[in-house]
């Protein structure tokens, strides 16, 4: 019984951003009906698979959902979605609003059918600007909000994207919060509303929240940028036998670091002695730390710094994180039995509630796995379902 128990979500999203958001809503207890094309979400095809259409990206972004396959360009497919929408609380889509309008599924249409509906769009750009009709992908929005330029500034001068679908995940998280806020408003007033969550504006605020700097002021005080984040030496430190992640930040931590390493000489150095001094000389500070950390092994540093209560973590790779003792203790990566894929490694929802336990309600579905039950719940007769199959609006159920 998660906190969103009783909330029905129609998920008309594909790829990562929308499915990540709706998976979270499903993990939190909502009944999420994933409406897929007859070919299925394209992420079904990404990565190694045991069976066609059940790739790891799909498996890890579409749990806690039921799947129905519909051709929305056919009248029967569109009419089916409208019948599903009639009793839903939330509709989430991630195609451009103009495309929803061409499908005759714009807010003006669906709000007449269900005035209490939260009609949530997660797409590229706010609809009141010149980019409104442009397509958008994670890489494009990373570039447009300065992340590759920042990577170049802190690295070898070559712009690079962050090796993660960072934009899709952050915008998806933003959408979850906005949808939940809209549900609170709906429950207070009885009225649903249209909700737009644009990628570009969301990420512009995310990146510039750190790096606005002197550009905050008019006229500007500098060219922007957070000096500590932009230091080329802000990176995992090389040890005698590997790497380690350490941040010595406040005065208390620095005092502990001086004592643990026997570097009282740095305590007297104005570049190290105060927060202001360190901030003004961050490159010098990081370079000295780099020299210090090369003198011991990773294990020795983990032990020494943990005892000194200095923030430290190992530097994991994609395999070693699966063996992390904390994640193992909390059961974050459970191995579960998928009905069609056998044993797979899943991930738990990270948030915890004291009164409403949260667990994924089901594992990622096969294409149209739940089509029959979803249609029957919506009141479709056996004859109507057979007609949808015959007309090509759905596949056999």
Protein backbone atom coordinates (compact mmCIF):
# COMPACT_ATOMS: atom_id res chain seq x y z
CA UNK A 1 0.00 0.00 0.00
CA UNK A 2 2.24 2.79 -1.26
CA UNK A 3 1.39 6.48 -0.78
CA UNK A 4 -0.15 6.69 -4.28
CA UNK A 5 -2.38 3.64 -3.83
CA UNK A 6 -5.64 4.22 -5.71
CA UNK A 7 -4.14 6.64 -8.25
CA UNK A 8 -4.54 5.51 -11.87
CA UNK A 9 -1.93 6.68 -14.38
CA UNK A 10 -2.12 6.36 -18.17
CA UNK A 11 1.49 6.24 -19.36
CA UNK A 12 1.87 7.29 -23.01
CA UNK A 13 5.63 7.76 -22.79
CA UNK A 14 8.61 6.04 -24.40
CA UNK A 15 12.40 5.86 -24.10
CA UNK A 16 13.67 7.11 -20.67
CA UNK A 17 12.39 10.42 -19.34
CA UNK A 18 8.67 9.65 -19.17
CA UNK A 19 9.03 5.94 -18.34
CA UNK A 20 11.43 6.77 -15.48
CA UNK A 21 8.84 9.15 -14.03
CA UNK A 22 5.94 6.74 -14.40
CA UNK A 23 7.96 3.85 -12.98
CA UNK A 24 8.49 5.93 -9.86
CA UNK A 25 4.77 6.67 -9.64
CA UNK A 26 4.14 2.94 -9.97
CA UNK A 27 6.72 2.11 -7.31
CA UNK A 28 4.89 4.57 -5.04
CA UNK A 29 1.68 2.60 -5.44
CA UNK A 30 -0.09 4.03 -8.49
CA UNK A 31 -1.71 1.70 -11.03
CA UNK A 32 0.28 2.57 -14.17
CA UNK A 33 -1.10 1.45 -17.52
CA UNK A 34 1.65 1.71 -20.14
CA UNK A 35 0.17 2.34 -23.59
CA UNK A 36 2.66 1.11 -26.19
CA UNK A 37 2.64 1.05 -29.95
CA UNK A 38 2.14 -2.34 -31.60
CA UNK A 39 5.94 -2.49 -31.99
CA UNK A 40 6.55 -1.58 -28.35
CA UNK A 41 8.77 0.94 -26.59
CA UNK A 42 12.07 1.29 -28.49
CA UNK A 43 14.06 0.68 -25.28
CA UNK A 44 12.89 -2.93 -25.44
CA UNK A 45 15.57 -3.31 -28.13
CA UNK A 46 18.52 -1.75 -26.24
CA UNK A 47 21.23 -3.95 -24.73
CA UNK A 48 21.73 -7.69 -24.34
CA UNK A 49 18.55 -9.75 -24.02
CA UNK A 50 17.47 -13.26 -23.18
CA UNK A 51 14.30 -12.80 -25.20
CA UNK A 52 13.47 -10.25 -27.94
CA UNK A 53 11.87 -7.07 -26.70
CA UNK A 54 12.99 -7.41 -23.07
CA UNK A 55 16.27 -5.48 -22.98
CA UNK A 56 17.83 -4.24 -19.72
CA UNK A 57 17.03 -0.54 -20.26
CA UNK A 58 13.36 -1.43 -20.61
CA UNK A 59 13.43 -3.82 -17.65
CA UNK A 60 14.97 -1.16 -15.40
CA UNK A 61 12.63 1.68 -16.42
CA UNK A 62 9.25 -0.01 -16.68
CA UNK A 63 8.60 -2.06 -13.59
CA UNK A 64 5.40 -1.47 -11.59
CA UNK A 65 3.38 -1.11 -14.81
CA UNK A 66 0.91 -3.01 -16.95
CA UNK A 67 1.26 -3.01 -20.74
CA UNK A 68 -1.35 -2.62 -23.44
CA UNK A 69 -0.47 -2.25 -27.14
CA UNK A 70 -2.61 0.13 -29.21
CA UNK A 71 -2.34 1.80 -32.61
CA UNK A 72 -3.44 5.33 -31.76
CA UNK A 73 -3.68 6.31 -35.42
CA UNK A 74 -6.61 3.94 -35.84
CA UNK A 75 -9.99 5.17 -34.59
CA UNK A 76 -10.39 2.12 -32.38
CA UNK A 77 -7.03 2.68 -30.72
CA UNK A 78 -7.74 6.34 -30.03
CA UNK A 79 -11.23 5.61 -28.74
CA UNK A 80 -9.79 2.95 -26.43
CA UNK A 81 -7.35 5.42 -24.91
CA UNK A 82 -10.15 7.90 -24.35
CA UNK A 83 -12.14 5.25 -22.48
CA UNK A 84 -9.10 4.53 -20.32
CA UNK A 85 -8.60 8.24 -19.69
CA UNK A 86 -12.19 8.67 -18.53
CA UNK A 87 -11.45 6.95 -15.21
CA UNK A 88 -7.78 7.96 -14.84
CA UNK A 89 -6.21 10.44 -12.44
CA UNK A 90 -3.08 11.22 -14.47
CA UNK A 91 -2.08 11.08 -18.13
CA UNK A 92 1.66 11.35 -18.86
CA UNK A 93 2.98 11.83 -22.39
CA UNK A 94 6.37 12.82 -23.85
CA UNK A 95 5.73 13.60 -27.49
CA UNK A 96 5.38 17.22 -28.54
CA UNK A 97 1.99 18.79 -27.70
CA UNK A 98 1.36 19.39 -31.41
CA UNK A 99 1.60 15.65 -32.00
CA UNK A 100 -0.91 14.98 -29.23
CA UNK A 101 -3.22 17.48 -30.90
CA UNK A 102 -2.86 15.68 -34.25
CA UNK A 103 -3.92 12.48 -32.49
CA UNK A 104 -6.94 14.42 -31.18
CA UNK A 105 -5.70 13.80 -27.67
CA UNK A 106 -4.93 17.40 -26.69
CA UNK A 107 -5.91 18.82 -23.32
CA UNK A 108 -8.99 20.51 -24.77
CA UNK A 109 -10.31 17.09 -25.77
CA UNK A 110 -9.42 14.97 -22.75
CA UNK A 111 -10.35 17.59 -20.14
CA UNK A 112 -13.92 17.53 -21.48
CA UNK A 113 -13.99 13.78 -20.93
CA UNK A 114 -12.33 13.92 -17.51
CA UNK A 115 -12.14 17.38 -15.87
CA UNK A 116 -10.28 15.91 -12.86
CA UNK A 117 -7.42 14.61 -15.00
CA UNK A 118 -3.82 15.75 -14.48
CA UNK A 119 -2.58 16.05 -18.08
CA UNK A 120 1.22 15.96 -17.73
CA UNK A 121 3.57 16.54 -20.65
CA UNK A 122 7.32 16.00 -20.40
CA UNK A 123 8.91 17.31 -23.59
CA UNK A 124 11.65 19.53 -24.93
CA UNK A 125 10.72 23.18 -24.58
CA UNK A 126 8.18 25.53 -23.04
CA UNK A 127 5.35 26.16 -25.46
CA UNK A 128 5.47 29.95 -25.28
CA UNK A 129 8.96 30.33 -26.82
CA UNK A 130 10.48 30.03 -30.31
CA UNK A 131 11.79 26.49 -29.62
CA UNK A 132 8.30 25.15 -28.88
CA UNK A 133 8.12 22.84 -31.90
CA UNK A 134 11.74 21.63 -31.84
CA UNK A 135 12.53 17.99 -31.08
CA UNK A 136 14.70 17.36 -28.02
CA UNK A 137 16.90 14.58 -26.72
CA UNK A 138 19.12 14.23 -23.67
CA UNK A 139 22.34 15.01 -25.59
CA UNK A 140 20.87 18.14 -27.16
CA UNK A 141 19.67 19.54 -23.85
CA UNK A 142 22.97 18.74 -22.14
CA UNK A 143 24.71 20.76 -24.81
CA UNK A 144 22.23 23.62 -24.77
CA UNK A 145 22.54 24.02 -20.99
CA UNK A 146 26.34 24.14 -20.92
CA UNK A 147 27.31 20.72 -19.58
CA UNK A 148 29.74 19.77 -22.42
CA UNK A 149 31.35 23.21 -22.17
CA UNK A 150 31.85 22.68 -18.43
CA UNK A 151 33.28 19.20 -19.10
CA UNK A 152 35.74 20.75 -21.56
CA UNK A 153 36.71 23.46 -19.09
CA UNK A 154 37.50 20.93 -16.37
CA UNK A 155 39.10 18.32 -18.63
CA UNK A 156 41.22 18.23 -21.77
CA UNK A 157 39.37 21.02 -23.57
CA UNK A 158 37.18 18.65 -25.60
CA UNK A 159 33.41 19.05 -24.99
CA UNK A 160 31.78 15.81 -23.89
CA UNK A 161 28.36 14.73 -22.73
CA UNK A 162 27.94 13.30 -19.24
CA UNK A 163 27.93 9.49 -19.74
CA UNK A 164 24.44 9.12 -18.33
CA UNK A 165 20.93 10.11 -19.46
CA UNK A 166 21.18 12.89 -16.90
CA UNK A 167 18.56 15.16 -18.45
CA UNK A 168 15.98 12.39 -18.83
CA UNK A 169 16.39 11.34 -15.21
CA UNK A 170 16.34 14.84 -13.72
CA UNK A 171 13.35 15.96 -15.77
CA UNK A 172 11.61 12.69 -14.90
CA UNK A 173 12.17 13.35 -11.20
CA UNK A 174 10.90 16.91 -11.64
CA UNK A 175 7.78 15.55 -13.32
CA UNK A 176 7.06 13.19 -10.41
CA UNK A 177 7.14 16.08 -7.94
CA UNK A 178 4.99 18.28 -10.18
CA UNK A 179 2.43 15.50 -10.74
CA UNK A 180 2.15 14.81 -7.01
CA UNK A 181 1.71 18.54 -6.34
CA UNK A 182 -1.01 18.66 -9.00
CA UNK A 183 -2.81 15.75 -7.35
CA UNK A 184 -2.80 17.64 -4.03
CA UNK A 185 -4.31 20.68 -5.79
CA UNK A 186 -6.89 18.47 -7.52
CA UNK A 187 -7.91 16.88 -4.23
CA UNK A 188 -8.36 20.33 -2.68
CA UNK A 189 -10.32 21.88 -5.54
CA UNK A 190 -11.77 18.98 -7.52
CA UNK A 191 -10.17 20.34 -10.70
CA UNK A 192 -7.49 18.78 -12.83
CA UNK A 193 -5.10 20.79 -14.97
CA UNK A 194 -2.56 20.73 -17.77
CA UNK A 195 1.02 20.38 -16.58
CA UNK A 196 4.04 21.05 -18.83
CA UNK A 197 7.53 19.96 -17.69
CA UNK A 198 10.02 21.19 -20.33
CA UNK A 199 13.50 19.68 -20.51
CA UNK A 200 15.36 22.84 -21.52
CA UNK A 201 14.03 25.11 -18.79
CA UNK A 202 14.32 22.40 -16.14
CA UNK A 203 17.97 21.73 -16.94
CA UNK A 204 18.82 25.41 -17.38
CA UNK A 205 17.77 25.92 -13.77
CA UNK A 206 19.54 22.76 -12.64
CA UNK A 207 22.92 23.70 -14.17
CA UNK A 208 22.80 27.43 -13.58
CA UNK A 209 21.75 27.00 -9.96
CA UNK A 210 25.38 26.03 -9.33
CA UNK A 211 27.09 28.16 -11.95
CA UNK A 212 25.21 31.46 -12.17
CA UNK A 213 27.82 33.00 -9.87
CA UNK A 214 28.40 36.69 -10.56
CA UNK A 215 25.92 36.54 -13.45
CA UNK A 216 23.28 36.53 -10.73
CA UNK A 217 23.75 40.27 -10.46
CA UNK A 218 22.94 42.99 -12.95
CA UNK A 219 25.39 44.22 -14.03
CA UNK A 220 27.37 40.93 -13.67
CA UNK A 221 30.17 40.68 -11.13
CA UNK A 222 32.02 37.99 -13.10
CA UNK A 223 31.49 35.50 -15.96
CA UNK A 224 29.77 32.90 -13.79
CA UNK A 225 30.89 29.48 -12.61
CA UNK A 226 31.40 27.78 -9.24
CA UNK A 227 35.17 27.71 -8.78
CA UNK A 228 35.32 24.50 -6.71
CA UNK A 229 33.26 22.57 -9.25
CA UNK A 230 35.36 23.90 -12.10
CA UNK A 231 38.75 23.03 -10.65
CA UNK A 232 40.54 20.51 -12.88
CA UNK A 233 41.77 18.76 -9.74
CA UNK A 234 38.23 18.13 -8.47
CA UNK A 235 38.23 14.42 -9.18
CA UNK A 236 38.82 11.10 -7.43
CA UNK A 237 42.28 11.05 -5.87
CA UNK A 238 44.91 8.54 -6.93
CA UNK A 239 46.18 6.43 -4.06
CA UNK A 240 49.16 4.09 -3.91
CA UNK A 241 47.05 1.29 -5.41
CA UNK A 242 43.86 2.80 -6.85
CA UNK A 243 41.52 5.75 -6.37
CA UNK A 244 39.43 7.21 -3.58
CA UNK A 245 36.70 9.85 -3.30
CA UNK A 246 37.24 12.36 -0.52
CA UNK A 247 35.90 15.79 0.29
CA UNK A 248 37.38 17.81 3.13
CA UNK A 249 34.96 20.71 3.26
CA UNK A 250 34.29 22.57 6.50
CA UNK A 251 36.69 23.83 9.16
CA UNK A 252 35.99 20.92 11.51
CA UNK A 253 36.81 18.39 8.80
CA UNK A 254 40.00 20.20 7.91
CA UNK A 255 41.10 20.26 11.54
CA UNK A 256 40.52 16.50 11.69
CA UNK A 257 42.40 16.03 8.42
CA UNK A 258 45.43 18.01 9.65
CA UNK A 259 45.51 15.90 12.81
CA UNK A 260 45.01 12.54 11.03
CA UNK A 261 47.72 13.22 8.45
CA UNK A 262 50.17 15.04 10.70
CA UNK A 263 50.10 18.10 8.46
CA UNK A 264 50.08 20.84 11.07
CA UNK A 265 52.13 22.92 8.62
CA UNK A 266 49.03 23.32 6.46
CA UNK A 267 47.03 24.49 9.47
CA UNK A 268 49.23 27.59 9.55
CA UNK A 269 49.04 28.21 5.81
CA UNK A 270 46.45 30.93 5.00
CA UNK A 271 45.55 29.06 1.80
CA UNK A 272 44.33 26.12 3.94
CA UNK A 273 43.45 27.66 7.30
CA UNK A 274 39.99 29.11 6.50
CA UNK A 275 37.04 28.44 4.25
CA UNK A 276 37.62 31.72 2.43
CA UNK A 277 41.31 30.94 1.94
CA UNK A 278 40.58 27.50 0.55
CA UNK A 279 37.84 28.80 -1.76
CA UNK A 280 40.19 31.43 -3.19
CA UNK A 281 42.98 28.90 -3.76
CA UNK A 282 41.00 25.80 -4.60
CA UNK A 283 43.36 24.56 -7.32
CA UNK A 284 46.32 24.74 -4.93
CA UNK A 285 44.32 22.94 -2.23
CA UNK A 286 43.24 20.12 -4.52
CA UNK A 287 46.74 19.70 -5.94
CA UNK A 288 48.22 19.32 -2.44
CA UNK A 289 45.54 16.82 -1.47
CA UNK A 290 46.38 14.82 -4.61
CA UNK A 291 50.01 14.59 -3.50
CA UNK A 292 49.03 13.51 0.01
CA UNK A 293 46.66 10.75 -1.11
CA UNK A 294 49.29 9.08 -3.26
CA UNK A 295 51.24 8.16 -0.10
CA UNK A 296 48.90 5.39 1.18
CA UNK A 297 46.73 2.62 -0.23
CA UNK A 298 43.01 3.00 -0.76
CA UNK A 299 42.27 0.65 2.16
CA UNK A 300 44.57 2.59 4.49
CA UNK A 301 42.91 5.89 3.56
CA UNK A 302 39.39 4.49 3.96
CA UNK A 303 40.25 3.29 7.46
CA UNK A 304 42.12 6.46 8.51
CA UNK A 305 39.58 8.95 7.15
CA UNK A 306 36.54 7.04 8.40
CA UNK A 307 37.98 7.04 11.94
CA UNK A 308 38.60 10.79 11.61
CA UNK A 309 34.97 11.33 10.47
CA UNK A 310 36.09 12.83 7.16
CA UNK A 311 33.70 12.23 4.22
CA UNK A 312 35.14 9.40 2.12
CA UNK A 313 33.82 6.74 -0.26
CA UNK A 314 35.39 4.16 -2.53
CA UNK A 315 35.38 4.86 -6.26
CA UNK A 316 33.16 2.14 -7.70
CA UNK A 317 32.81 0.95 -11.26
CA UNK A 318 29.69 -0.64 -12.76
CA UNK A 319 30.55 -4.06 -11.34
CA UNK A 320 32.00 -3.20 -7.94
CA UNK A 321 28.99 -1.08 -6.94
CA UNK A 322 26.92 -4.25 -7.01
CA UNK A 323 29.11 -5.56 -4.16
CA UNK A 324 29.05 -2.40 -2.04
CA UNK A 325 28.52 -3.50 1.58
CA UNK A 326 25.99 -0.77 2.35
CA UNK A 327 23.85 -1.52 -0.71
CA UNK A 328 24.14 -5.22 0.03
CA UNK A 329 22.96 -4.64 3.61
CA UNK A 330 19.96 -2.57 2.50
CA UNK A 331 19.09 -5.05 -0.24
CA UNK A 332 19.18 -2.39 -2.92
CA UNK A 333 20.00 -4.81 -5.77
CA UNK A 334 17.71 -7.80 -5.16
CA UNK A 335 17.88 -10.72 -7.57
CA UNK A 336 14.29 -11.56 -8.46
CA UNK A 337 12.50 -14.06 -10.67
CA UNK A 338 10.96 -12.40 -13.72
CA UNK A 339 8.06 -14.39 -15.22
CA UNK A 340 9.65 -14.49 -18.68
CA UNK A 341 13.28 -13.45 -18.18
CA UNK A 342 14.24 -15.66 -15.26
CA UNK A 343 16.55 -14.29 -12.59
CA UNK A 344 17.31 -10.59 -13.03
CA UNK A 345 18.92 -7.99 -10.81
CA UNK A 346 16.44 -5.27 -9.89
CA UNK A 347 16.74 -2.04 -7.90
CA UNK A 348 14.65 -0.97 -4.92
CA UNK A 349 12.87 2.35 -4.67
CA UNK A 350 15.21 4.55 -2.65
CA UNK A 351 12.61 6.58 -0.71
CA UNK A 352 11.20 5.13 2.51
CA UNK A 353 7.97 5.98 4.32
CA UNK A 354 7.13 5.01 7.89
CA UNK A 355 3.44 4.38 7.19
CA UNK A 356 3.24 3.39 3.52
CA UNK A 357 5.71 0.72 2.57
CA UNK A 358 6.97 0.99 -1.01
CA UNK A 359 7.92 -2.00 -3.11
CA UNK A 360 7.71 -2.43 -6.89
CA UNK A 361 4.26 -3.93 -7.54
CA UNK A 362 5.32 -5.96 -10.58
CA UNK A 363 8.31 -6.46 -12.86
CA UNK A 364 8.55 -4.95 -16.36
CA UNK A 365 5.81 -6.36 -18.61
CA UNK A 366 5.95 -8.13 -21.92
CA UNK A 367 4.41 -6.14 -24.76
CA UNK A 368 0.60 -6.15 -24.39
CA UNK A 369 0.90 -8.59 -21.48
CA UNK A 370 -2.05 -7.01 -19.69
CA UNK A 371 -4.05 -5.83 -22.69
CA UNK A 372 -6.98 -8.15 -22.11
CA UNK A 373 -7.39 -7.40 -18.41
CA UNK A 374 -7.05 -3.64 -18.95
CA UNK A 375 -9.74 -3.65 -21.63
CA UNK A 376 -12.09 -5.75 -19.53
CA UNK A 377 -11.60 -3.43 -16.54
CA UNK A 378 -12.54 -0.52 -18.80
CA UNK A 379 -15.80 -2.25 -19.68
CA UNK A 380 -14.95 -3.68 -23.11
CA UNK A 381 -16.96 -6.73 -24.09
CA UNK A 382 -15.41 -9.79 -25.70
CA UNK A 383 -16.94 -8.71 -29.00
CA UNK A 384 -15.44 -5.22 -28.73
CA UNK A 385 -12.02 -6.63 -27.94
CA UNK A 386 -12.24 -8.99 -30.90
CA UNK A 387 -13.17 -6.02 -33.08
CA UNK A 388 -10.11 -4.07 -31.96
CA UNK A 389 -7.89 -7.02 -32.86
CA UNK A 390 -9.62 -7.49 -36.20
CA UNK A 391 -9.22 -3.79 -37.08
CA UNK A 392 -5.52 -3.78 -36.16
CA UNK A 393 -6.00 -1.35 -33.25
CA UNK A 394 -4.40 -3.88 -30.90
CA UNK A 395 -2.83 -7.31 -31.05
CA UNK A 396 -4.26 -10.60 -29.85
CA UNK A 397 -4.87 -10.65 -26.10
